[in-house]
Amino acid sequence: MKASDLFVKALESEGVEFIFGIPGEENLDLLHSLKDSPIRLILTRHEQAAGFMAATYGRLTGTTGVCMATLGPGATNLVTAAAYAQLGAMPMLMITGQKPIKASKQGEFQIVEVVDMMRPLTKYTRQIASAHNIPARVRESFRRAEEERPGAVHLELPEDVARERSDAQVIARSEAERPTAAVCAIAAARESIERARHPLLLIGASANRRDRGGALLAFVDRTGIPFFSTQMGKGVIDERHPLFLGNAALSGEDYLHRAIEAADLIINVGHDVVEKPPFIMGESCAEELAGTALEGAGGAGSARVIHVNTIASTVDAVYHPHQEVIGDIADAIARLTAVVEPQPHWDFGRFMTVKGALDAHLQEGADDGRFPLYPQRLVADVRRAMPEDGVIALDNGVYKIWFARNYRAYQPNTVLLDNALATMGAGLPSAIAAKIVHPERKVMAVCGDGGFMMNSQELETAMRLRLDLVVLILRDDAYGMIKWKQANMGFDDYGLDYGNPDFVQYARSYGAEGHRVDSAEALRPLLEHCLARPGVHLVEAPMDYSDNDRILNREIKRRSREI
């Protein structure tokens, strides 16, 4: 069998449905082998976007998303996507081509040491030097990508190797049972939880994988322990739940942090230090770090922390848990649910006071009539327009804070945001991948004008694939997140403003429908109209971020201190 055919057969054995990417000369054998395969090639307009799509596919399915690029510039364009998948724990395989490695007449033309380049950004990277190695390399790549903690892997298939012949056989997928937590760890955690007076549950990104929401909901309903989430843990439990306190969207001194400070035990399920800290451990640590680069993240004070995750914690200055329950999360939580008895001495009064104040604050501005649009009104109307299972894919910008804090997620992975690499440019590609995975759901990309323009060419991809997709562009003609930081740090307003195209005409140039919001009252009906109609719809929404500094940097801190 030809090596490229063997490679494709190995991918088919792994259950691959799609390959996102841009083939080059060095991939032509592989491309030809794909022609008669059930695997569908999703041709993109930039390799970075292909990587974002593959990573998002991995995030949503739990199986490895696959992307392809040629050597040199194609491979280097995958670097940001590799970091996106690796930091965000999304299983993804990158396949890159290379010049012949046994005899080449092209010197060093386009040659980059791609395997070495990918090494610090991946869990596994190899050059395939022989066709006979293909089955083992592919199987190991998928195993590494999907085992906890998931992430990025990379294989380089040189042009001459792709043309070799081999009688090697595909290696079938192996099924691995995730290990369960030790009996003594469950017993110790039960004792700590029952002994605590003010226990609090945190749900992080790892809990947003592999259907762990049911076990966590059962734990909350049985024990009555209130919970909050990190940004990437949104929606694991329906955030309309009466015991949901809020989301750790701001670094510190939000209403939620008043509850964290009052806890004497935090059951930390699925969070790791890759995501921005929802709290800092230690009484003195929070005081010492206040005002530094960590922005004074809310302190956990003297609270004990139980780390519940599939892997052990990474000890950091801000995170060093007292106990660990290591094993399958759903199994560990189910076992805790079975043994933890609600205690009469538990006191959640402070938590519920904070929840009441935060819920009231989140309603402020939800019906504000000013135009350009107020962020709170925008978030509220997007929530009103989206169905319960609708997916919003956020790019990275200051609006991400407003959505993390104000937008209630009703189901797991219905708010796709990146709080690990936090890269711009991922919003539209992620939405495209979400629509491919969930064609029956409503999907909306929410992008700032800066992030949208970094991968706006993928509108053509969405049109070519005949997707039904809404792309909401929040226009402020500036890099708004950095302007907010600039104001917060006392710098002059300088260097962050730019011009934009006419987004309505820009969308129409691709054959998409273009719309522009002209009043606050027009936003929700327009979004509902676009969501109900087929095709790609771009909606330009002018934004008023002038209150960001006052509200996010000063008012919330002042008002939360008054509780």
Protein backbone atom coordinates (compact mmCIF):
# COMPACT_ATOMS: atom_id res chain seq x y z
CA MET A 1 0.00 0.00 0.00
CA LYS A 2 1.19 3.52 -0.73
CA ALA A 3 2.25 5.34 2.45
CA SER A 4 -0.18 8.22 1.99
CA ASP A 5 -3.03 5.70 1.60
CA LEU A 6 -1.85 3.95 4.76
CA PHE A 7 -1.81 7.28 6.59
CA VAL A 8 -5.40 8.02 5.55
CA LYS A 9 -6.50 4.50 6.55
CA ALA A 10 -4.95 5.09 9.97
CA LEU A 11 -6.89 8.34 10.29
CA GLU A 12 -10.10 6.58 9.28
CA SER A 13 -9.45 3.94 11.94
CA GLU A 14 -9.29 6.74 14.51
CA GLY A 15 -12.75 7.93 13.46
CA VAL A 16 -11.60 11.16 11.81
CA GLU A 17 -14.48 12.94 10.06
CA PHE A 18 -12.84 16.15 8.88
CA ILE A 19 -9.44 17.58 8.09
CA PHE A 20 -9.25 21.37 8.19
CA GLY A 21 -6.47 23.09 6.31
CA ILE A 22 -4.60 24.21 3.23
CA PRO A 23 -2.60 21.55 1.37
CA GLY A 24 0.62 22.46 -0.39
CA GLU A 25 2.90 20.80 -2.90
CA GLU A 26 4.36 18.54 -0.22
CA ASN A 27 0.86 17.27 0.75
CA LEU A 28 -0.31 16.31 -2.74
CA ASP A 29 0.07 12.57 -2.24
CA LEU A 30 -1.90 12.79 1.01
CA LEU A 31 -4.50 14.96 -0.70
CA HIS A 32 -4.88 12.41 -3.50
CA SER A 33 -5.35 9.65 -0.91
CA LEU A 34 -8.09 11.68 0.77
CA LYS A 35 -10.01 11.99 -2.47
CA ASP A 36 -11.67 8.58 -2.10
CA SER A 37 -11.86 8.62 1.70
CA PRO A 38 -14.99 9.32 3.77
CA ILE A 39 -12.89 11.92 5.59
CA ARG A 40 -14.01 15.34 4.40
CA LEU A 41 -11.45 18.03 3.62
CA ILE A 42 -12.54 21.47 4.88
CA LEU A 43 -10.44 23.88 2.86
CA THR A 44 -9.81 27.11 4.78
CA ARG A 45 -8.33 30.46 3.82
CA HIS A 46 -5.58 30.52 6.47
CA GLU A 47 -3.79 27.75 8.35
CA GLN A 48 -4.29 29.48 11.68
CA ALA A 49 -8.05 29.35 11.18
CA ALA A 50 -7.81 25.67 10.25
CA GLY A 51 -6.05 25.02 13.55
CA PHE A 52 -8.67 26.95 15.51
CA MET A 53 -11.38 24.88 13.81
CA ALA A 54 -9.64 21.59 14.54
CA ALA A 55 -9.06 22.56 18.19
CA THR A 56 -12.70 23.57 18.62
CA TYR A 57 -13.82 20.30 17.06
CA GLY A 58 -11.67 18.55 19.67
CA ARG A 59 -13.11 20.65 22.48
CA LEU A 60 -16.71 19.91 21.49
CA THR A 61 -16.38 16.20 20.69
CA GLY A 62 -13.62 15.03 23.04
CA THR A 63 -11.97 13.36 20.05
CA THR A 64 -9.00 14.67 18.13
CA GLY A 65 -9.56 17.41 15.58
CA VAL A 66 -7.19 17.26 12.61
CA CYS A 67 -5.67 20.04 10.54
CA MET A 68 -3.20 20.09 7.67
CA ALA A 69 -0.59 22.51 6.31
CA THR A 70 2.36 22.41 4.02
CA LEU A 71 5.97 22.91 5.11
CA GLY A 72 7.63 26.23 6.01
CA PRO A 73 5.13 29.12 6.04
CA GLY A 74 2.13 26.80 6.21
CA ALA A 75 3.54 25.06 9.27
CA THR A 76 4.57 28.30 10.98
CA ASN A 77 1.03 29.60 10.53
CA LEU A 78 -0.16 26.75 12.78
CA VAL A 79 1.93 27.86 15.76
CA THR A 80 -0.73 30.04 17.40
CA ALA A 81 -3.36 27.35 16.92
CA ALA A 82 -0.99 24.79 18.49
CA ALA A 83 -0.65 26.98 21.57
CA TYR A 84 -4.42 27.57 21.58
CA ALA A 85 -5.11 23.83 21.69
CA GLN A 86 -2.29 23.02 24.10
CA LEU A 87 -3.11 25.65 26.70
CA GLY A 88 -6.85 25.14 26.27
CA ALA A 89 -6.59 21.33 26.62
CA MET A 90 -8.23 20.65 23.25
CA PRO A 91 -7.18 17.43 21.46
CA MET A 92 -5.77 18.32 18.03
CA LEU A 93 -3.43 16.70 15.49
CA MET A 94 -1.47 18.88 13.07
CA ILE A 95 -0.14 17.22 9.91
CA THR A 96 2.53 19.10 7.99
CA GLY A 97 4.43 18.25 4.83
CA GLN A 98 8.17 18.44 4.21
CA LYS A 99 10.63 18.24 1.32
CA PRO A 100 12.11 14.82 0.57
CA ILE A 101 14.43 13.83 3.42
CA LYS A 102 16.44 11.16 1.59
CA ALA A 103 17.35 13.02 -1.60
CA SER A 104 16.34 16.60 -2.35
CA LYS A 105 17.58 19.00 -5.01
CA GLN A 106 16.02 22.13 -3.49
CA GLY A 107 18.63 22.95 -0.89
CA GLU A 108 17.21 24.76 2.14
CA PHE A 109 14.31 26.37 0.25
CA GLN A 110 11.34 26.79 2.66
CA ILE A 111 13.01 24.50 5.19
CA VAL A 112 12.15 25.13 8.84
CA GLU A 113 12.82 22.61 11.60
CA VAL A 114 9.11 22.15 12.21
CA VAL A 115 9.40 19.26 14.66
CA ASP A 116 11.75 21.29 16.86
CA MET A 117 9.49 24.33 16.51
CA MET A 118 6.45 22.35 17.65
CA ARG A 119 8.16 20.60 20.56
CA PRO A 120 7.45 23.23 23.27
CA LEU A 121 3.89 23.70 21.99
CA THR A 122 2.74 20.08 21.83
CA LYS A 123 2.48 16.86 23.82
CA TYR A 124 4.05 14.85 21.01
CA THR A 125 5.79 15.74 17.73
CA ARG A 126 7.54 13.42 15.27
CA GLN A 127 8.83 13.29 11.73
CA ILE A 128 7.76 10.11 9.97
CA ALA A 129 10.97 8.76 8.46
CA SER A 130 9.57 5.47 7.14
CA ALA A 131 6.19 4.35 5.84
CA HIS A 132 6.38 1.35 8.19
CA ASN A 133 6.19 3.73 11.17
CA ILE A 134 2.92 5.37 10.11
CA PRO A 135 0.46 3.14 12.04
CA ALA A 136 2.36 3.46 15.33
CA ARG A 137 2.96 7.20 14.96
CA VAL A 138 -0.69 7.93 14.17
CA ARG A 139 -2.04 5.74 16.99
CA GLU A 140 0.37 7.27 19.51
CA SER A 141 -0.53 10.79 18.35
CA PHE A 142 -4.23 10.24 18.97
CA ARG A 143 -3.60 8.53 22.29
CA ARG A 144 -1.46 11.41 23.50
CA ALA A 145 -3.85 14.09 22.19
CA GLU A 146 -6.87 12.62 23.97
CA GLU A 147 -5.46 11.38 27.28
CA GLU A 148 -5.78 13.77 30.18
CA ARG A 149 -4.70 16.50 30.04
CA PRO A 150 -5.68 16.74 26.30
CA GLY A 151 -3.71 18.93 23.92
CA ALA A 152 -1.90 19.36 20.62
CA VAL A 153 0.21 16.80 18.76
CA HIS A 154 2.05 17.02 15.44
CA LEU A 155 3.24 14.69 12.68
CA GLU A 156 5.48 15.66 9.75
CA LEU A 157 5.03 13.54 6.63
CA PRO A 158 7.86 14.18 4.13
CA GLU A 159 7.09 14.09 0.44
CA ASP A 160 9.26 11.07 -0.38
CA VAL A 161 8.01 9.05 2.60
CA ALA A 162 4.42 9.68 1.49
CA ARG A 163 5.23 7.89 -1.80
CA GLU A 164 6.82 4.80 -0.27
CA ARG A 165 5.20 1.37 -0.28
CA SER A 166 4.51 -0.55 2.89
CA ASP A 167 2.73 -3.70 4.01
CA ALA A 168 2.30 -2.34 7.56
CA GLN A 169 -1.14 -2.77 9.14
CA VAL A 170 -3.22 -0.06 10.79
CA ILE A 171 -3.23 -0.26 14.58
CA ALA A 172 -6.76 -0.23 15.96
CA ARG A 173 -7.82 2.28 18.58
CA SER A 174 -7.30 1.13 22.11
CA GLU A 175 -9.92 1.73 24.76
CA ALA A 176 -8.58 3.00 28.06
CA GLU A 177 -10.54 3.28 31.28
CA ARG A 178 -9.73 6.43 33.16
CA PRO A 179 -8.31 5.70 36.62
CA THR A 180 -10.52 6.28 39.62
CA ALA A 181 -9.63 8.18 42.77
CA ALA A 182 -8.27 6.28 45.75
CA VAL A 183 -10.73 5.29 48.47
CA CYS A 184 -8.65 7.11 51.07
CA ALA A 185 -8.76 10.34 48.99
CA ILE A 186 -12.56 10.21 48.80
CA ALA A 187 -12.78 9.57 52.53
CA ALA A 188 -10.44 12.44 53.36
CA ALA A 189 -12.35 14.81 51.10
CA ARG A 190 -15.66 13.77 52.67
CA GLU A 191 -14.28 14.47 56.12
CA SER A 192 -13.02 17.93 55.12
CA ILE A 193 -16.27 18.88 53.43
CA GLU A 194 -18.42 17.79 56.35
CA ARG A 195 -16.12 19.48 58.87
CA ALA A 196 -16.16 22.83 57.02
CA ARG A 197 -18.58 25.56 57.99
CA HIS A 198 -18.69 27.48 54.69
CA PRO A 199 -17.81 25.05 51.84
CA LEU A 200 -17.90 26.40 48.29
CA LEU A 201 -17.68 24.56 44.94
CA LEU A 202 -15.64 25.83 41.96
CA ILE A 203 -16.18 24.37 38.47
CA GLY A 204 -13.32 24.75 35.98
CA ALA A 205 -12.52 23.89 32.37
CA SER A 206 -11.74 20.19 32.90
CA ALA A 207 -15.26 19.69 34.23
CA ASN A 208 -16.55 20.98 30.88
CA ARG A 209 -15.33 17.80 29.16
CA ARG A 210 -16.79 14.32 28.78
CA ASP A 211 -20.26 14.93 30.22
CA ARG A 212 -19.40 15.65 33.83
CA GLY A 213 -22.27 18.09 34.40
CA GLY A 214 -24.76 15.44 35.53
CA ALA A 215 -22.56 14.24 38.37
CA LEU A 216 -21.86 17.79 39.53
CA LEU A 217 -25.55 18.73 39.41
CA ALA A 218 -26.40 15.71 41.56
CA PHE A 219 -23.70 16.73 44.07
CA VAL A 220 -25.01 20.29 44.32
CA ASP A 221 -28.64 19.21 44.62
CA ARG A 222 -27.87 16.66 47.33
CA THR A 223 -25.50 18.77 49.43
CA GLY A 224 -26.92 22.26 48.79
CA ILE A 225 -23.37 23.65 48.48
CA PRO A 226 -23.32 26.85 46.36
CA PHE A 227 -21.03 26.94 43.30
CA PHE A 228 -19.29 29.29 40.90
CA SER A 229 -17.27 28.77 37.74
CA THR A 230 -14.19 29.88 35.90
CA GLN A 231 -14.69 31.38 32.45
CA MET A 232 -14.00 28.05 30.70
CA GLY A 233 -16.22 26.20 33.16
CA LYS A 234 -19.37 28.08 32.18
CA GLY A 235 -22.49 26.01 31.67
CA VAL A 236 -21.39 22.72 33.21
CA ILE A 237 -24.41 23.22 35.47
CA ASP A 238 -27.25 25.40 34.21
CA GLU A 239 -26.41 28.88 35.49
CA ARG A 240 -30.08 29.54 36.29
CA HIS A 241 -29.62 27.13 39.21
CA PRO A 242 -30.56 28.85 42.50
CA LEU A 243 -27.17 27.94 44.00
CA PHE A 244 -25.08 29.41 41.15
CA LEU A 245 -23.21 32.42 42.54
CA GLY A 246 -21.50 33.73 39.40
CA ASN A 247 -18.48 33.56 37.16
CA ALA A 248 -14.90 34.54 38.00
CA ALA A 249 -14.67 36.93 35.05
CA LEU A 250 -12.72 39.71 36.77
CA SER A 251 -9.38 39.16 38.43
CA GLY A 252 -10.41 40.44 41.82
CA GLU A 253 -12.78 42.41 44.01
CA ASP A 254 -15.92 41.52 42.12
CA TYR A 255 -19.02 40.60 44.13
CA LEU A 256 -18.12 36.93 43.68
CA HIS A 257 -14.78 37.43 45.40
CA ARG A 258 -16.60 38.49 48.57
CA ALA A 259 -18.06 34.96 48.65
CA ILE A 260 -14.67 33.37 47.98
CA GLU A 261 -13.17 35.33 50.88
CA ALA A 262 -15.91 34.00 53.18
CA ALA A 263 -15.32 30.33 52.31
CA ASP A 264 -13.34 28.11 54.65
CA LEU A 265 -13.19 25.27 52.11
CA ILE A 266 -13.12 25.42 48.30
CA ILE A 267 -13.84 22.21 46.39
CA ASN A 268 -11.96 22.98 43.18
CA VAL A 269 -13.25 20.71 40.42
CA GLY A 270 -11.47 20.79 37.08
CA HIS A 271 -9.44 23.98 37.35
CA ASP A 272 -5.74 24.26 36.63
CA VAL A 273 -3.30 27.13 36.64
CA VAL A 274 -3.30 27.53 32.84
CA GLU A 275 -6.57 29.42 33.15
CA LYS A 276 -6.41 32.87 34.73
CA PRO A 277 -6.66 32.39 38.53
CA PRO A 278 -10.19 32.66 39.96
CA PHE A 279 -8.58 33.21 43.37
CA ILE A 280 -5.17 33.37 45.07
CA MET A 281 -4.44 31.02 47.94
CA GLY A 282 -3.11 32.20 51.27
CA GLU A 283 -3.97 35.15 53.51
CA SER A 284 -0.69 37.00 53.01
CA CYS A 285 -0.28 36.00 49.36
CA ALA A 286 -3.31 37.95 48.18
CA GLU A 287 -2.19 41.05 50.04
CA GLU A 288 1.37 40.84 48.74
CA LEU A 289 0.29 40.36 45.14
CA ALA A 290 -2.45 43.00 45.11
CA GLY A 291 -1.74 45.59 42.46
CA THR A 292 0.92 43.49 40.72
CA ALA A 293 0.68 41.79 37.33
CA LEU A 294 -1.80 39.37 38.88
CA GLU A 295 -4.09 42.36 39.40
CA GLY A 296 -4.94 41.48 42.97
CA ALA A 297 -6.94 38.34 42.17
CA GLY A 298 -9.46 37.63 44.90
CA GLY A 299 -7.86 35.94 47.87
CA ALA A 300 -9.06 32.62 49.27
CA GLY A 301 -7.77 33.68 52.67
CA SER A 302 -7.24 30.76 55.03
CA ALA A 303 -9.62 28.46 53.17
CA ARG A 304 -8.52 24.91 52.59
CA VAL A 305 -8.61 23.80 48.96
CA ILE A 306 -9.45 20.31 47.66
CA HIS A 307 -8.17 19.72 44.12
CA VAL A 308 -10.51 17.35 42.24
CA ASN A 309 -9.20 16.55 38.77
CA THR A 310 -7.95 13.85 36.45
CA ILE A 311 -4.37 14.98 36.97
CA ALA A 312 -2.44 16.27 39.95
CA SER A 313 -2.22 20.00 40.52
CA THR A 314 0.64 22.10 39.25
CA VAL A 315 1.98 23.90 42.30
CA ASP A 316 2.17 27.64 41.73
CA ALA A 317 2.61 30.71 43.90
CA VAL A 318 -1.12 31.33 43.62
CA TYR A 319 -2.30 27.71 43.83
CA HIS A 320 -1.08 24.97 46.17
CA PRO A 321 -4.04 22.83 47.32
CA HIS A 322 -4.15 21.07 50.66
CA GLN A 323 -5.81 17.86 49.42
CA GLU A 324 -6.09 16.13 46.06
CA VAL A 325 -8.64 13.72 44.66
CA ILE A 326 -7.08 12.46 41.43
CA GLY A 327 -9.08 10.34 39.01
CA ASP A 328 -12.06 10.50 36.70
CA ILE A 329 -13.96 13.63 37.72
CA ALA A 330 -17.49 12.32 37.20
CA ASP A 331 -16.70 9.16 39.14
CA ALA A 332 -15.06 11.08 42.01
CA ILE A 333 -17.97 13.50 42.29
CA ALA A 334 -20.52 10.68 42.15
CA ARG A 335 -18.71 8.89 44.96
CA LEU A 336 -18.59 12.07 47.04
CA THR A 337 -22.30 12.60 46.41
CA ALA A 338 -22.95 9.13 47.81
CA VAL A 339 -21.03 9.65 51.06
CA VAL A 340 -21.14 13.39 51.93
CA GLU A 341 -23.95 14.16 54.37
CA PRO A 342 -25.34 17.72 54.49
CA GLN A 343 -24.38 19.22 57.84
CA PRO A 344 -26.55 21.33 60.15
CA HIS A 345 -23.58 23.60 60.92
CA TRP A 346 -23.07 24.57 57.26
CA ASP A 347 -23.80 28.24 56.81
CA PHE A 348 -24.28 29.66 53.31
CA GLY A 349 -25.92 32.91 54.36
CA ARG A 350 -22.99 35.08 53.31
CA PHE A 351 -22.82 33.38 49.92
CA MET A 352 -26.50 33.95 49.22
CA THR A 353 -26.22 37.61 50.25
CA VAL A 354 -23.44 38.02 47.70
CA LYS A 355 -25.51 36.19 45.08
CA GLY A 356 -28.46 38.52 45.62
CA ALA A 357 -26.29 41.60 45.23
CA LEU A 358 -24.55 40.24 42.13
CA ASP A 359 -27.78 39.13 40.47
CA ALA A 360 -29.21 42.61 41.01
CA HIS A 361 -26.07 44.23 39.61
CA LEU A 362 -26.19 42.05 36.51
CA GLN A 363 -29.64 43.43 35.69
CA GLU A 364 -28.35 47.00 35.63
CA GLY A 365 -27.98 48.21 32.08
CA ALA A 366 -29.75 45.18 30.59
CA ASP A 367 -32.38 47.47 29.08
CA ASP A 368 -30.24 50.58 28.67
CA GLY A 369 -31.39 52.52 25.61
CA ARG A 370 -28.21 54.40 24.76
CA PHE A 371 -26.60 54.08 21.36
CA PRO A 372 -23.91 53.08 20.44
CA LEU A 373 -24.76 50.00 22.44
CA TYR A 374 -24.03 49.58 26.13
CA PRO A 375 -22.23 46.24 26.79
CA GLN A 376 -24.78 45.09 29.38
CA ARG A 377 -27.65 45.67 26.94
CA LEU A 378 -25.81 43.83 24.18
CA VAL A 379 -25.14 40.75 26.36
CA ALA A 380 -28.71 40.67 27.64
CA ASP A 381 -30.19 40.85 24.14
CA VAL A 382 -27.87 38.13 22.80
CA ARG A 383 -29.01 35.90 25.66
CA ARG A 384 -32.67 36.72 24.95
CA ALA A 385 -32.22 35.93 21.25
CA MET A 386 -30.28 32.67 21.60
CA PRO A 387 -32.09 29.37 22.31
CA GLU A 388 -31.12 27.29 25.32
CA ASP A 389 -28.79 25.04 23.33
CA GLY A 390 -27.47 27.83 21.10
CA VAL A 391 -23.68 28.23 20.95
CA ILE A 392 -21.85 31.54 21.08
CA ALA A 393 -18.17 31.56 20.09
CA LEU A 394 -16.33 34.52 21.54
CA ASP A 395 -13.23 36.08 20.12
CA ASN A 396 -10.91 37.76 22.60
CA GLY A 397 -11.56 41.32 23.74
CA VAL A 398 -13.03 43.35 26.57
CA TYR A 399 -16.53 42.12 25.67
CA LYS A 400 -15.40 38.64 26.77
CA ILE A 401 -15.46 39.86 30.37
CA TRP A 402 -18.99 41.17 29.97
CA PHE A 403 -20.17 37.88 28.44
CA ALA A 404 -18.40 35.72 31.02
CA ARG A 405 -19.87 37.78 33.85
CA ASN A 406 -23.36 38.65 32.52
CA TYR A 407 -24.31 35.88 30.05
CA ARG A 408 -25.94 32.87 31.66
CA ALA A 409 -24.97 29.56 30.06
CA TYR A 410 -27.66 26.90 30.24
CA GLN A 411 -25.72 23.93 28.85
CA PRO A 412 -22.07 22.80 28.72
CA ASN A 413 -19.89 24.24 25.96
CA THR A 414 -22.51 26.70 24.76
CA VAL A 415 -20.16 29.58 25.56
CA LEU A 416 -16.90 28.97 23.72
CA LEU A 417 -14.25 31.33 25.01
CA ASP A 418 -10.53 31.05 25.48
CA ASN A 419 -9.19 32.01 28.89
CA ALA A 420 -5.91 30.13 28.48
CA LEU A 421 -4.00 31.48 25.47
CA ALA A 422 -6.69 34.17 25.09
CA THR A 423 -5.81 34.77 21.46
CA MET A 424 -7.60 37.10 19.10
CA GLY A 425 -8.81 35.78 15.76
CA ALA A 426 -10.39 32.52 16.99
CA GLY A 427 -14.04 33.60 17.22
CA LEU A 428 -15.19 33.10 13.62
CA PRO A 429 -13.22 29.86 12.99
CA SER A 430 -14.51 28.43 16.29
CA ALA A 431 -18.08 29.26 15.33
CA ILE A 432 -17.63 27.56 11.96
CA ALA A 433 -16.36 24.41 13.70
CA ALA A 434 -19.23 24.53 16.20
CA LYS A 435 -21.75 24.69 13.37
CA ILE A 436 -20.07 21.75 11.61
CA VAL A 437 -20.23 19.69 14.82
CA HIS A 438 -23.77 20.85 15.72
CA PRO A 439 -25.57 21.59 12.43
CA GLU A 440 -28.93 21.45 14.21
CA ARG A 441 -28.07 24.26 16.65
CA LYS A 442 -28.05 28.03 16.32
CA VAL A 443 -24.47 29.33 16.37
CA MET A 444 -23.24 32.90 16.71
CA ALA A 445 -19.70 34.24 16.53
CA VAL A 446 -19.19 37.29 18.74
CA CYS A 447 -16.12 39.24 17.67
CA GLY A 448 -14.60 42.63 18.24
CA ASP A 449 -13.68 44.45 15.06
CA GLY A 450 -9.99 43.82 15.79
CA GLY A 451 -10.29 40.08 16.33
CA PHE A 452 -12.71 39.63 13.43
CA MET A 453 -10.34 41.23 10.94
CA MET A 454 -7.58 38.79 11.93
CA ASN A 455 -9.48 35.91 10.29
CA SER A 456 -12.34 37.63 8.47
CA GLN A 457 -11.43 35.78 5.26
CA GLU A 458 -13.11 32.70 6.72
CA LEU A 459 -16.45 34.25 5.80
CA GLU A 460 -15.75 32.72 2.40
CA THR A 461 -15.28 29.32 4.04
CA ALA A 462 -18.63 29.63 5.82
CA MET A 463 -20.32 30.65 2.58
CA ARG A 464 -18.73 27.82 0.58
CA LEU A 465 -19.86 25.31 3.21
CA ARG A 466 -23.40 26.77 3.06
CA LEU A 467 -23.50 27.21 6.83
CA ASP A 468 -26.27 28.96 8.73
CA LEU A 469 -24.28 31.31 10.93
CA VAL A 470 -24.59 34.70 12.59
CA VAL A 471 -21.46 36.80 12.98
CA LEU A 472 -21.90 39.68 15.43
CA ILE A 473 -19.21 42.35 15.04
CA LEU A 474 -18.79 44.71 18.01
CA ARG A 475 -17.36 47.85 16.50
CA ASP A 476 -15.44 50.40 18.54
CA ASP A 477 -12.64 51.16 16.03
CA ALA A 478 -9.94 50.32 18.60
CA TYR A 479 -8.27 47.51 20.50
CA GLY A 480 -10.75 47.97 23.35
CA MET A 481 -9.32 45.47 25.83
CA ILE A 482 -5.91 47.13 25.78
CA LYS A 483 -7.48 50.59 25.98
CA TRP A 484 -9.27 49.43 29.13
CA LYS A 485 -5.99 48.17 30.58
CA GLN A 486 -4.28 51.38 29.47
CA ALA A 487 -6.79 53.46 31.42
CA ASN A 488 -6.63 51.15 34.44
CA MET A 489 -2.84 51.47 34.61
CA GLY A 490 -2.90 55.27 34.38
CA PHE A 491 -1.46 55.61 30.88
CA ASP A 492 -2.58 58.16 28.32
CA ASP A 493 -5.02 57.08 25.61
CA TYR A 494 -2.58 56.48 22.77
CA GLY A 495 -1.79 54.19 19.87
CA LEU A 496 -4.75 51.80 19.88
CA ASP A 497 -7.28 53.33 17.46
CA TYR A 498 -7.73 52.23 13.84
CA GLY A 499 -10.09 52.41 10.88
CA ASN A 500 -12.47 49.72 9.63
CA PRO A 501 -14.12 48.71 6.39
CA ASP A 502 -17.84 49.06 5.81
CA PHE A 503 -18.70 45.72 7.38
CA VAL A 504 -22.11 45.50 5.71
CA GLN A 505 -20.57 45.85 2.26
CA TYR A 506 -17.68 43.62 3.29
CA ALA A 507 -20.12 40.80 4.15
CA ARG A 508 -22.03 41.30 0.91
CA SER A 509 -18.81 41.06 -1.10
CA TYR A 510 -18.59 37.43 0.06
CA GLY A 511 -22.26 36.82 -0.74
CA ALA A 512 -23.32 36.96 2.92
CA GLU A 513 -26.12 39.13 4.30
CA GLY A 514 -24.88 42.33 5.94
CA HIS A 515 -26.80 44.24 8.61
CA ARG A 516 -26.09 47.25 10.79
CA VAL A 517 -27.75 47.98 14.12
CA ASP A 518 -29.01 51.56 14.28
CA SER A 519 -30.55 51.67 17.76
CA ALA A 520 -30.51 49.70 21.01
CA GLU A 521 -34.12 48.63 20.46
CA ALA A 522 -33.29 47.20 17.03
CA LEU A 523 -30.62 44.74 18.20
CA ARG A 524 -32.70 41.86 19.55
CA PRO A 525 -35.26 41.77 16.68
CA LEU A 526 -32.41 41.86 14.17
CA LEU A 527 -30.56 38.99 15.88
CA GLU A 528 -33.75 36.93 16.04
CA HIS A 529 -34.38 37.64 12.36
CA CYS A 530 -30.87 36.51 11.40
CA LEU A 531 -30.99 33.39 13.57
CA ALA A 532 -34.27 32.36 11.96
CA ARG A 533 -33.04 32.69 8.38
CA PRO A 534 -30.62 30.47 6.45
CA GLY A 535 -27.19 31.56 5.32
CA VAL A 536 -24.39 33.65 6.78
CA HIS A 537 -25.47 36.91 8.41
CA LEU A 538 -23.03 39.56 9.60
CA VAL A 539 -24.38 42.11 12.08
CA GLU A 540 -22.37 45.25 12.81
CA ALA A 541 -23.11 46.66 16.28
CA PRO A 542 -21.46 49.97 17.24
CA MET A 543 -20.34 49.78 20.87
CA ASP A 544 -19.97 52.31 23.69
CA TYR A 545 -17.18 51.13 25.99
CA SER A 546 -16.67 54.51 27.66
CA ASP A 547 -17.91 53.20 31.02
CA ASN A 548 -15.63 50.13 31.09
CA ASP A 549 -12.97 51.75 33.25
CA ARG A 550 -15.47 53.24 35.69
CA ILE A 551 -17.58 50.10 36.11
CA LEU A 552 -15.03 47.29 35.83
CA ASN A 553 -12.09 48.97 37.53
CA ARG A 554 -13.73 51.10 40.20
CA GLU A 555 -17.47 50.81 40.70
CA ILE A 556 -17.64 47.04 41.13
CA LYS A 557 -14.81 47.12 43.67
CA ARG A 558 -16.46 49.92 45.64
CA ARG A 559 -19.91 48.38 45.62
CA SER A 560 -18.72 44.85 46.41
CA ARG A 561 -16.88 46.19 49.47
CA GLU A 562 -20.16 47.63 50.73
CA ILE A 563 -21.86 44.25 50.96
